Structures are given as C-alpha cells and as structure tokens.
Protein backbone atom coordinates (compact mmCIF):
# COMPACT_ATOMS: atom_id res chain seq x y z
CA MET A 1 136.05 -4.11 85.21
CA LEU A 2 139.35 -6.03 85.43
CA VAL A 3 141.08 -3.38 83.46
CA LEU A 4 139.53 -0.62 85.50
CA GLY A 5 140.49 -2.40 88.76
CA LEU A 6 144.21 -2.76 87.66
CA TYR A 7 144.42 0.70 86.48
CA VAL A 8 142.85 2.03 89.80
CA ALA A 9 145.23 -0.21 91.69
CA ALA A 10 148.19 1.19 89.72
CA PHE A 11 147.14 4.83 90.36
CA PHE A 12 146.92 4.40 94.23
CA GLY A 13 150.05 2.21 94.37
CA THR A 14 152.34 4.58 92.50
CA TYR A 15 150.62 7.49 94.44
CA LEU A 16 151.64 6.07 97.70
CA VAL A 17 155.09 5.12 96.65
CA SER A 18 155.77 8.64 95.24
CA SER A 19 154.07 10.49 98.15
CA ARG A 20 155.65 8.43 100.85
CA LEU A 21 158.96 7.01 99.83
CA LEU A 22 160.01 9.53 97.32
CA LYS A 23 158.14 12.60 98.67
CA SER A 24 161.26 14.82 99.02
CA PHE A 25 162.52 13.83 95.42
CA PHE A 26 159.11 14.86 93.77
CA GLU A 27 158.38 18.11 95.80
CA ARG A 28 158.26 21.10 93.58
CA GLU A 29 160.16 24.15 94.67
CA GLY A 30 158.90 27.70 94.29
CA PHE A 31 156.17 29.99 95.59
CA ASN A 32 153.50 27.43 95.69
CA SER A 33 155.54 25.18 97.89
CA LEU A 34 155.66 27.99 100.43
CA LYS A 35 151.61 28.12 100.84
CA THR A 36 150.49 26.74 103.90
CA VAL A 37 147.00 26.03 102.57
CA THR A 38 146.70 24.69 99.06
CA PHE A 39 143.87 22.32 98.95
CA GLY A 40 141.17 23.94 96.84
CA ASP A 41 143.49 26.53 95.46
CA GLU A 42 143.58 25.86 91.72
CA SER A 43 146.73 28.07 91.20
CA ALA A 44 148.58 25.62 93.57
CA VAL A 45 147.68 22.45 91.62
CA LYS A 46 150.05 21.76 88.62
CA ALA A 47 150.40 18.58 86.78
CA ASN A 48 153.04 16.27 88.24
CA ARG A 49 154.88 15.17 85.16
CA VAL A 50 156.22 12.07 86.90
CA ALA A 51 152.59 10.94 87.39
CA SER A 52 151.92 11.62 83.84
CA VAL A 53 154.76 9.41 82.60
CA ILE A 54 153.64 6.69 85.05
CA SER A 55 150.04 6.83 83.86
CA VAL A 56 151.17 6.51 80.14
CA ILE A 57 153.39 3.48 81.21
CA THR A 58 150.61 1.88 83.06
CA VAL A 59 148.12 2.22 79.97
CA PHE A 60 150.95 0.65 77.84
CA TRP A 61 151.50 -2.12 80.31
CA LEU A 62 147.82 -2.98 80.39
CA TRP A 63 147.89 -3.14 76.66
CA VAL A 64 150.73 -5.58 76.81
CA ALA A 65 149.19 -7.60 79.67
CA PHE A 66 146.00 -8.31 77.78
CA THR A 67 147.66 -9.33 74.49
CA ASN A 68 150.00 -12.06 73.35
CA SER A 69 152.88 -9.58 73.02
CA VAL A 70 156.47 -10.53 72.86
CA ILE A 71 157.47 -7.51 75.03
CA PRO A 72 158.98 -8.84 78.29
CA LEU A 73 156.45 -7.18 80.73
CA PRO A 74 154.23 -9.11 83.22
CA LYS A 75 151.16 -10.43 81.36
CA LEU A 76 147.87 -12.02 82.50
CA PRO A 77 147.19 -15.73 82.03
CA GLY A 78 147.27 -16.42 78.27
CA PRO A 79 145.32 -19.02 76.06
CA PHE A 80 146.10 -22.57 76.11
CA SER A 81 148.29 -24.06 73.37
CA GLY A 82 149.30 -27.61 72.83
CA ASP A 83 147.49 -31.03 72.96
CA VAL A 84 144.65 -31.80 75.30
CA THR A 85 142.68 -35.23 75.55
CA PHE A 86 139.30 -35.87 76.86
CA THR A 87 136.90 -38.77 76.65
CA TYR A 88 133.37 -39.25 75.56
CA THR A 89 130.99 -41.93 76.34
CA ALA A 90 128.75 -43.21 73.63
CA GLN A 91 125.66 -45.21 74.29
CA LEU A 92 123.54 -47.43 71.93
CA GLU A 93 119.87 -47.85 71.95
CA ASP A 94 120.15 -51.13 74.02
CA GLY A 95 122.18 -49.41 76.69
CA THR A 96 125.52 -50.53 75.65
CA THR A 97 128.23 -47.88 76.30
CA ASP A 98 131.76 -47.45 75.12
CA ASP A 99 134.46 -44.78 75.90
CA ALA A 100 136.80 -43.24 73.34
CA GLU A 101 139.30 -40.36 73.44
CA VAL A 102 139.43 -37.08 71.47
CA THR A 103 142.74 -35.40 71.15
CA MET A 104 142.73 -31.67 70.27
CA ARG A 105 145.80 -29.91 69.03
CA VAL A 106 145.45 -26.26 69.99
CA TYR A 107 147.58 -24.00 67.75
CA ARG A 108 148.28 -20.13 67.43
CA GLU A 109 145.39 -18.45 65.60
CA ASP A 110 147.88 -16.47 63.54
CA ILE A 111 150.33 -19.14 62.51
CA GLN A 112 149.23 -18.78 58.84
CA GLN A 113 150.29 -15.27 58.90
CA THR A 114 153.89 -15.99 60.12
CA VAL A 115 156.72 -17.05 57.86
CA ASP A 116 159.76 -19.33 58.31
CA ALA A 117 163.45 -18.59 57.81
CA ASP A 118 162.92 -19.32 54.06
CA GLY A 119 160.06 -16.84 53.75
CA ASN A 120 157.41 -19.65 53.59
CA PRO A 121 153.98 -18.96 55.23
CA GLY A 122 153.20 -20.99 58.34
CA GLN A 123 150.99 -23.98 57.91
CA GLU A 124 148.13 -25.26 60.17
CA PRO A 125 149.62 -28.23 62.20
CA GLU A 126 148.57 -31.85 61.48
CA PRO A 127 146.37 -33.59 64.02
CA ALA A 128 148.06 -35.78 66.60
CA ALA A 129 148.57 -39.42 65.51
CA VAL A 130 146.16 -41.71 67.61
CA GLU A 131 145.23 -45.33 67.41
CA PRO A 132 141.55 -45.89 66.76
CA GLY A 133 141.07 -48.18 69.77
CA ASP A 134 138.69 -51.20 70.35
CA GLY A 135 134.99 -50.99 70.68
CA PHE A 136 132.28 -49.24 68.52
CA ALA A 137 133.46 -45.85 69.55
CA LYS A 138 136.74 -44.83 68.01
CA ASN A 139 139.39 -42.35 69.04
CA ASP A 140 139.59 -38.98 67.23
CA SER A 141 142.24 -36.33 66.70
CA LEU A 142 141.45 -32.82 65.50
CA THR A 143 143.04 -29.25 65.47
CA VAL A 144 141.59 -25.97 66.57
CA ALA A 145 142.99 -22.42 66.61
CA ARG A 146 143.46 -20.65 69.94
CA TYR A 147 140.30 -18.45 70.70
CA GLY A 148 138.56 -20.78 68.21
CA PHE A 149 135.69 -23.35 68.53
CA LYS A 150 135.27 -26.89 67.10
CA VAL A 151 132.28 -29.00 66.53
CA ILE A 152 133.60 -32.61 66.75
CA ASN A 153 131.67 -35.29 64.81
CA VAL A 154 132.79 -38.22 66.86
CA TRP A 155 130.61 -40.60 64.86
CA LYS A 156 132.57 -40.03 61.74
CA ASN A 157 134.73 -42.97 62.37
CA ASP A 158 132.61 -44.89 64.85
CA GLU A 159 131.03 -48.21 63.98
CA VAL A 160 127.58 -46.96 65.04
CA SER A 161 126.46 -43.49 63.69
CA LYS A 162 124.29 -40.99 65.39
CA LYS A 163 121.41 -41.86 62.91
CA GLU A 164 121.81 -45.48 63.95
CA GLY A 165 121.08 -44.56 67.64
CA SER A 166 124.46 -43.75 69.04
CA THR A 167 124.43 -40.75 71.53
CA VAL A 168 126.92 -39.06 73.73
CA VAL A 169 125.92 -39.33 77.39
CA ALA A 170 129.00 -38.35 79.29
CA LEU A 171 132.13 -36.19 78.79
CA ASN A 172 135.24 -37.07 80.97
CA GLY A 173 133.01 -39.45 82.92
CA ILE A 174 130.58 -36.70 83.91
CA PRO A 175 126.97 -37.32 82.74
CA VAL A 176 125.83 -34.59 80.37
CA GLY A 177 122.79 -33.87 78.23
CA PRO A 178 122.28 -31.67 75.19
CA GLY A 179 123.34 -28.02 75.94
CA GLU A 180 125.38 -28.88 78.94
CA ALA A 181 129.17 -28.41 79.40
CA VAL A 182 132.13 -29.56 81.41
CA GLU A 183 134.95 -27.22 82.22
CA ILE A 184 138.64 -28.52 82.11
CA PRO A 185 141.80 -26.55 82.77
CA GLU A 186 142.47 -26.60 78.96
CA GLY A 187 138.98 -25.45 77.92
CA THR A 188 135.36 -26.16 77.72
CA ILE A 189 133.95 -29.38 76.36
CA SER A 190 130.12 -29.37 75.82
CA LEU A 191 127.21 -30.78 73.78
CA THR A 192 125.14 -28.88 71.39
CA ASP A 193 121.38 -28.76 71.57
CA LYS A 194 121.47 -31.74 69.19
CA GLY A 195 123.91 -33.67 71.31
CA THR A 196 127.22 -33.20 69.19
CA PRO A 197 130.35 -32.61 71.37
CA THR A 198 132.30 -29.24 70.94
CA PHE A 199 135.51 -27.96 72.37
CA ALA A 200 136.59 -24.35 72.93
CA PRO A 201 140.21 -23.86 74.27
CA ALA A 202 140.74 -21.81 77.35
CA THR A 203 141.51 -18.10 76.50
CA GLY A 204 142.83 -17.00 79.64
CA LEU A 205 142.47 -13.26 80.23
CA ARG A 206 144.32 -12.26 77.07
CA MET A 207 142.53 -10.86 73.95
CA ALA A 208 142.86 -12.53 70.51
CA ARG A 209 144.75 -10.43 67.78
CA LEU A 210 141.35 -9.89 66.13
CA TYR A 211 140.07 -7.86 68.96
CA LEU A 212 143.34 -6.27 70.39
CA PRO A 213 146.66 -6.76 68.51
CA ALA A 214 149.87 -6.48 70.45
CA PRO A 215 151.91 -3.17 70.47
CA GLU A 216 154.56 -4.53 68.16
CA ILE A 217 152.02 -5.52 65.64
CA VAL A 218 150.49 -2.08 65.68
CA LEU A 219 153.93 -0.58 65.24
CA SER A 220 154.82 -2.75 62.22
CA ARG A 221 151.45 -1.78 60.71
CA PHE A 222 152.22 1.88 61.38
CA ILE A 223 155.42 1.56 59.44
CA TRP A 224 153.65 -0.32 56.70
CA LEU A 225 150.93 2.37 56.33
CA ASN A 226 153.65 5.06 56.04
CA GLN A 227 155.59 2.90 53.34
CA GLU A 228 152.92 1.22 51.28
CA GLY A 229 149.79 3.22 52.11
CA TYR A 230 146.11 2.26 52.41
CA GLN A 231 143.32 2.63 49.90
CA GLY A 232 145.75 4.62 47.68
CA TYR A 233 147.06 7.09 50.24
CA THR A 234 149.87 6.89 52.93
CA LEU A 235 149.22 7.52 56.70
CA LEU A 236 150.61 10.98 56.34
CA GLU A 237 148.39 11.89 53.48
CA HIS A 238 145.31 10.63 55.29
CA THR A 239 146.43 12.72 58.28
CA ARG A 240 147.13 15.77 56.11
CA PHE A 241 143.71 15.78 54.52
CA SER A 242 141.98 15.46 57.99
CA LEU A 243 143.95 18.20 59.61
CA GLN A 244 143.57 20.59 56.50
CA ARG A 245 139.85 20.10 56.81
CA VAL A 246 139.79 20.91 60.75
CA LEU A 247 142.12 23.96 60.30
CA LEU A 248 139.95 25.51 57.57
CA GLY A 249 136.62 24.80 59.36
CA PHE A 250 137.97 26.22 62.65
CA LEU A 251 139.44 29.29 60.95
CA PHE A 252 136.17 30.17 59.24
CA GLY A 253 134.15 29.47 62.41
CA ALA A 254 136.38 31.75 64.44
CA LEU A 255 136.45 34.36 61.97
CA VAL A 256 132.63 34.55 61.76
CA GLY A 257 131.80 33.68 65.36
CA ILE A 258 134.09 36.02 67.31
CA PRO A 259 132.63 39.19 65.77
CA ILE A 260 129.03 37.81 66.26
CA GLY A 261 129.75 37.01 69.96
CA TYR A 262 131.30 40.45 70.52
CA ALA A 263 128.23 42.09 68.99
CA MET A 264 125.92 40.01 71.21
CA GLY A 265 127.80 40.95 74.22
CA LEU A 266 127.97 44.79 73.34
CA THR A 267 124.46 45.58 71.81
CA SER A 268 121.06 44.52 72.87
CA TRP A 269 119.66 44.43 69.33
CA SER A 270 122.53 41.94 68.24
CA ARG A 271 121.77 39.86 71.29
CA GLY A 272 118.09 39.79 70.52
CA TRP A 273 118.70 39.06 66.85
CA PHE A 274 121.13 36.17 67.24
CA ASP A 275 120.32 34.69 70.44
CA PRO A 276 117.41 32.54 69.33
CA ILE A 277 119.49 31.23 66.40
CA VAL A 278 122.52 30.42 68.49
CA GLU A 279 120.57 28.83 71.29
CA PHE A 280 118.61 26.74 68.75
CA MET A 281 121.59 25.46 66.86
CA ARG A 282 123.99 25.12 69.74
CA PRO A 283 122.50 21.77 71.22
CA ILE A 284 122.27 20.17 67.75
CA PRO A 285 125.10 17.69 67.40
CA PRO A 286 127.22 18.43 64.24
CA LEU A 287 126.89 14.79 63.17
CA ALA A 288 123.16 15.40 62.80
CA LEU A 289 123.85 17.71 60.12
CA ILE A 290 125.84 15.39 57.92
CA PRO A 291 122.83 14.07 55.86
CA LEU A 292 121.71 17.68 55.05
CA ILE A 293 125.41 18.87 54.26
CA ILE A 294 125.78 15.85 51.90
CA ILE A 295 122.64 16.81 50.05
CA TRP A 296 123.51 20.46 49.81
CA PHE A 297 127.26 20.17 49.19
CA GLY A 298 128.03 16.64 48.26
CA ILE A 299 130.74 14.45 49.74
CA GLY A 300 133.71 16.69 48.52
CA GLU A 301 135.77 18.85 50.51
CA LEU A 302 133.50 21.82 50.67
CA GLY A 303 130.84 19.82 52.54
CA LYS A 304 133.37 18.76 55.21
CA VAL A 305 134.66 22.23 55.64
CA VAL A 306 131.16 23.76 56.02
CA LEU A 307 130.36 21.04 58.56
CA LEU A 308 133.39 21.89 60.60
CA PHE A 309 132.53 25.71 60.25
CA LEU A 310 129.22 24.94 61.86
CA ALA A 311 130.83 22.75 64.50
CA ALA A 312 133.11 25.71 65.56
CA LEU A 313 130.74 28.57 64.81
CA TRP A 314 128.43 28.28 67.86
CA ILE A 315 131.20 27.49 70.38
CA MET A 316 133.15 30.63 69.25
CA ILE A 317 130.03 32.73 69.33
CA ILE A 318 129.25 31.71 72.98
CA ALA A 319 132.90 32.03 73.98
CA ALA A 320 133.31 35.62 72.79
CA ARG A 321 129.74 36.56 74.18
CA SER A 322 130.85 35.10 77.57
CA GLY A 323 134.21 36.92 77.44
CA VAL A 324 132.54 40.28 76.87
CA SER A 325 129.97 39.67 79.45
CA GLY A 326 132.58 38.71 81.96
CA VAL A 327 134.57 41.93 81.85
CA ALA A 328 134.36 43.71 85.17
CA ILE A 329 132.26 46.78 84.92
CA SER A 330 134.61 48.63 87.24
CA LYS A 331 137.31 48.44 84.59
CA VAL A 332 134.97 50.02 81.97
CA HIS A 333 134.02 52.88 84.34
CA ALA A 334 137.59 53.49 85.29
CA ALA A 335 138.52 53.87 81.47
CA TYR A 336 135.49 56.16 80.94
CA SER A 337 136.61 58.25 83.76
CA LEU A 338 140.01 58.72 82.25
CA GLY A 339 138.46 59.94 78.96
CA ALA A 340 138.67 56.80 76.90
CA SER A 341 136.55 56.59 73.70
CA LYS A 342 134.23 53.63 72.87
CA TRP A 343 136.88 52.27 70.48
CA GLN A 344 139.53 52.52 73.09
CA ILE A 345 137.22 50.79 75.58
CA LEU A 346 136.86 48.00 73.03
CA SER A 347 140.63 47.61 72.17
CA ARG A 348 142.14 48.31 75.59
CA VAL A 349 139.64 46.78 77.97
CA ILE A 350 137.07 44.47 76.43
CA VAL A 351 139.15 42.56 73.92
CA PRO A 352 142.23 41.97 76.40
CA ASN A 353 139.83 40.76 79.12
CA SER A 354 137.74 38.61 76.93
CA LEU A 355 140.63 36.87 75.19
CA PRO A 356 140.97 34.26 77.91
CA ASP A 357 137.38 33.07 77.35
CA ILE A 358 137.78 33.14 73.68
CA PHE A 359 140.93 30.92 73.90
CA THR A 360 139.03 28.52 76.09
CA GLY A 361 136.33 28.32 73.60
CA ALA A 362 138.83 27.88 70.85
CA ARG A 363 140.36 24.88 72.57
CA VAL A 364 136.88 23.25 72.85
CA ALA A 365 136.05 24.12 69.27
CA MET A 366 139.26 22.60 68.06
CA GLY A 367 138.58 19.43 69.97
CA VAL A 368 134.95 19.21 68.61
CA CYS A 369 136.11 19.92 65.09
CA TRP A 370 138.83 17.13 65.34
CA GLY A 371 136.27 14.63 66.54
CA THR A 372 133.66 15.83 63.87
CA VAL A 373 135.91 15.50 60.92
CA VAL A 374 136.75 11.83 61.82
CA ALA A 375 133.10 11.06 62.22
CA ALA A 376 132.26 12.83 59.08
CA GLU A 377 134.87 10.95 57.15
CA LEU A 378 133.43 7.71 58.34
CA VAL A 379 130.23 8.57 56.46
CA ALA A 380 131.31 10.45 53.43
CA ALA A 381 135.05 10.70 52.30
CA ASN A 382 137.57 9.11 50.02
CA VAL A 383 140.58 9.95 52.07
CA GLY A 384 141.28 10.72 55.70
CA LEU A 385 141.85 9.13 59.00
CA GLY A 386 138.17 8.49 59.42
CA LYS A 387 137.93 6.93 55.99
CA MET A 388 140.94 4.69 56.70
CA ILE A 389 139.32 3.50 60.06
CA VAL A 390 135.96 2.69 58.58
CA THR A 391 137.39 0.88 55.64
CA ALA A 392 139.63 -1.28 57.83
CA SER A 393 136.85 -2.14 60.09
CA LYS A 394 134.98 -3.78 57.26
CA PHE A 395 137.95 -6.22 56.66
CA GLN A 396 138.41 -6.68 60.38
CA GLN A 397 141.94 -5.13 60.29
CA THR A 398 142.06 -4.13 63.95
CA ASP A 399 145.78 -3.08 63.80
CA ILE A 400 144.94 -0.37 61.23
CA ILE A 401 142.02 0.69 63.37
CA ILE A 402 144.33 1.18 66.47
CA VAL A 403 146.85 2.86 64.41
CA GLY A 404 144.26 5.50 63.22
CA ILE A 405 142.85 5.91 66.90
CA ILE A 406 146.37 6.45 68.29
CA VAL A 407 147.11 8.89 65.58
CA ILE A 408 143.87 10.87 66.24
CA GLY A 409 144.58 10.84 69.89
CA ILE A 410 148.18 12.02 69.58
CA ILE A 411 147.19 14.99 67.30
CA GLY A 412 144.29 15.97 69.44
CA PHE A 413 146.69 15.90 72.49
CA MET A 414 149.17 18.15 70.47
CA ILE A 415 146.49 20.54 69.44
CA GLU A 416 145.51 20.99 73.01
CA VAL A 417 149.03 21.48 74.13
CA GLY A 418 149.66 23.87 71.38
CA MET A 419 146.63 25.85 72.12
CA ARG A 420 147.73 26.09 75.88
CA ALA A 421 151.08 27.18 74.96
CA LEU A 422 149.74 29.74 72.41
CA GLU A 423 147.28 31.06 75.15
CA ASN A 424 150.21 31.39 77.71
CA TRP A 425 152.29 33.19 75.04
CA LEU A 426 149.62 35.57 73.84
CA ILE A 427 147.69 36.09 77.09
CA PRO A 428 150.19 36.40 79.80
CA TRP A 429 147.93 38.48 81.91
CA LYS A 430 145.36 35.62 82.31
CA GLY A 431 144.44 35.20 85.94
CA LYS A 432 146.54 38.16 87.07
CA VAL A 433 144.19 41.12 86.34
C-alpha cells in the first residue's frame, strides 16, 4: 500500500507540475491542438512522452527508495546498524531479582559477501567487549545481522540457570510475560513462549537484499550473466532460445489460424464446423495443456513450439474472423456493382479491411506466447529465461530472478512497439477508411 501511495502521489504531483507550470512547454502542436473538443476523442489522445519518462524514473526511484542502494536518491528509513543495549530482569524462585545488560551488535547482512582492498572476504564482527557485572545475572554481548533475529540465552553465563528456577520477568524495566514484546527505537525485544529473550533489529521501510536487491547489484549480476553464464548458458543464449520458441510458435499459429478465421467469416459451413472447436479451446489457458504436451511430445523443443502454436492459434482465428465480419457491407456491394469478382472482393476489400483486426490479434498473440513460453520453461526446459528464473529461485538468488524479469519485460515491450510500428507501416489506412 505504501508503494502504491507513493506512486499515485508522484503521478498526480508531476501531472500538476506539467499541466500548470510547464503547460506551454509540453503542449503539442498540430491538428489535434486545434480541436475545440477532445475529451472522449481517442484520435486526440496520444502518449505524452515526458510523462512516460517521468513514470519510468518514478518506478526506478521507488526501487532505490526501498533498498539499501548506494545511488544518491531519497530513500525511506533504513534498517538499524550498530550497537544497542537493553536490560533484562531475572527473578529467582524466592523472589530475588537482578538486572543485567545485553549488548547487541547489528551488522550488515551481506558483509560476508563483501571484499576488502586485498580481496579478502568480509568477516562477521566480534561481539562488543562488556564486563560481566555483579549479581547472579551477568551481562551478555552478541551479534545479529540486519533483518535478522536472535534468540538470547541469557542464562548461559548467569550464576543461576533457567532449570534452577531463574526466569526473565522484565525487559528494559517493563514487566513482560512469555510471548510478550517491548518495542525500542533500535528494534523489538520479546520473550518466546518458553520465556527466552529475543531481539529483532528494526528494519525500517527498506527491504533486505534477499527480497529486493538494489539496482547496482542487479546490474552487476546482469554483466556477470553475460560473461560467465548460468547453468551452462549465457543470458544472451537463454534469451535466444526463448525468442526462437515464441517466433516459431506464433508463426505457425498465424499461418494456420488466419486462413481458418477467413473461412469462418466467409462461409457458413466453415463457421459451423470450426466454431464449436474454437469456442471450446479458446477459454482453456495454454498452461493447462503443459502436462498433456509433455506426455505427447516430451520436454524438447517440439513440445514447446506446439504449446505456443496452440496459444497463438485460437487468438489468430478469432482475430481473422472478427476482421472479416467487421467489413462494412456497403463496401462489398459497391465492389460488386463495379463488376468485381469474388477473388477481387477478397483481395481488394476484405483482406485490406480485416488487416487491422488481424494485427491487433497478432499483438495479443505475441504477448500471450511470450508469457506462455516463460511459464512453460518453468516446468520443462533445460535452457531459457524461465528455466533460469526457476533455478535461481531454488537457491534464493533474487538478483538473477529480477534480471530475468527485467529482460522478459523489455523484450515484451519491444515486441509490442515493433508490432505497432509494423502495423503503422503496413496498414497506413487504418482508421481512415
């Protein structure tokens, strides 16, 4: 909810600035700027590229703000690091009490993954030096990683053990019982259900590297994946295999689906023959077919291409059928009145007017195929972006997972932009006739 709130605030804040203070700078020139009424007119609504840039920057800033990144951007409150001391009160069976201090040294959770100037790995810090103190309860000193949790056996060096009747009855002077906690600025001290003290450092609003690594860590992993590879393949090779599967599956789906869609839109027999099959298969998610595809075709390339073929097929059939059905009958009558043959009607009227719907279906089919191939690789593959992600998840390598997600998103975006450009180039008459 906090992320959503910050994103919404950034959206409205930048909108107000751009629309009020910089309105004249951002105004587009051209025919649409001369329209007196544009609200509700889709042709007058074009993407504001400045808003797109700000949106991407906002998402990047939120990423930085919620991590322990070194990038100099405003960040949310971070986790506590350093030394913190709190007291516990031990009580004996005869009612005698004694106070002792516990000093916790909180260190960076990734310190063992760092190296010094000589290339030596970082070492977990030593506990702070403390005097044991007087009384039967002795002072303790321990270490704990940020975002970590430590169970503190305070009786380890006490003169009276827990088995001998010593119990903790207060933390920082506040009476507590088993299962209760005391909040301090540096974290949370509490008692377990069996009465043993614990300490959890304050995490702030940032996330640990395990859950969300910083952008610079993801970038370094991206470079490493291209140089060293993962599971025997570089990132480029993982990407190439995934793209190859998508393009083959989509191509075969379009080659089969478009003619069937045209047939369904032009003849009642074809509509009656294919309609039950198409409407039955269309709602079935492609991923539901994975077990059957594996049984029939195995986990090799053929099975994945067949799965992607089925993912694209029904979409292309419906798009082609919709395109034919959407051709204005007045255009067909006009062509007949001029002496056009059925082949001329098909090639000069129906195909040109149905291409916009077919391209819309192709964009949807490519998106579905791209999402399906990644999911299919999660289940059955030896190489591919999906395989890389699922393998990394087993070893909690979140940075590799995020690299894979970013690559998938960028390629999906490029596919969509490329399909739009191809549509504008091949169908310049869209929306004009």
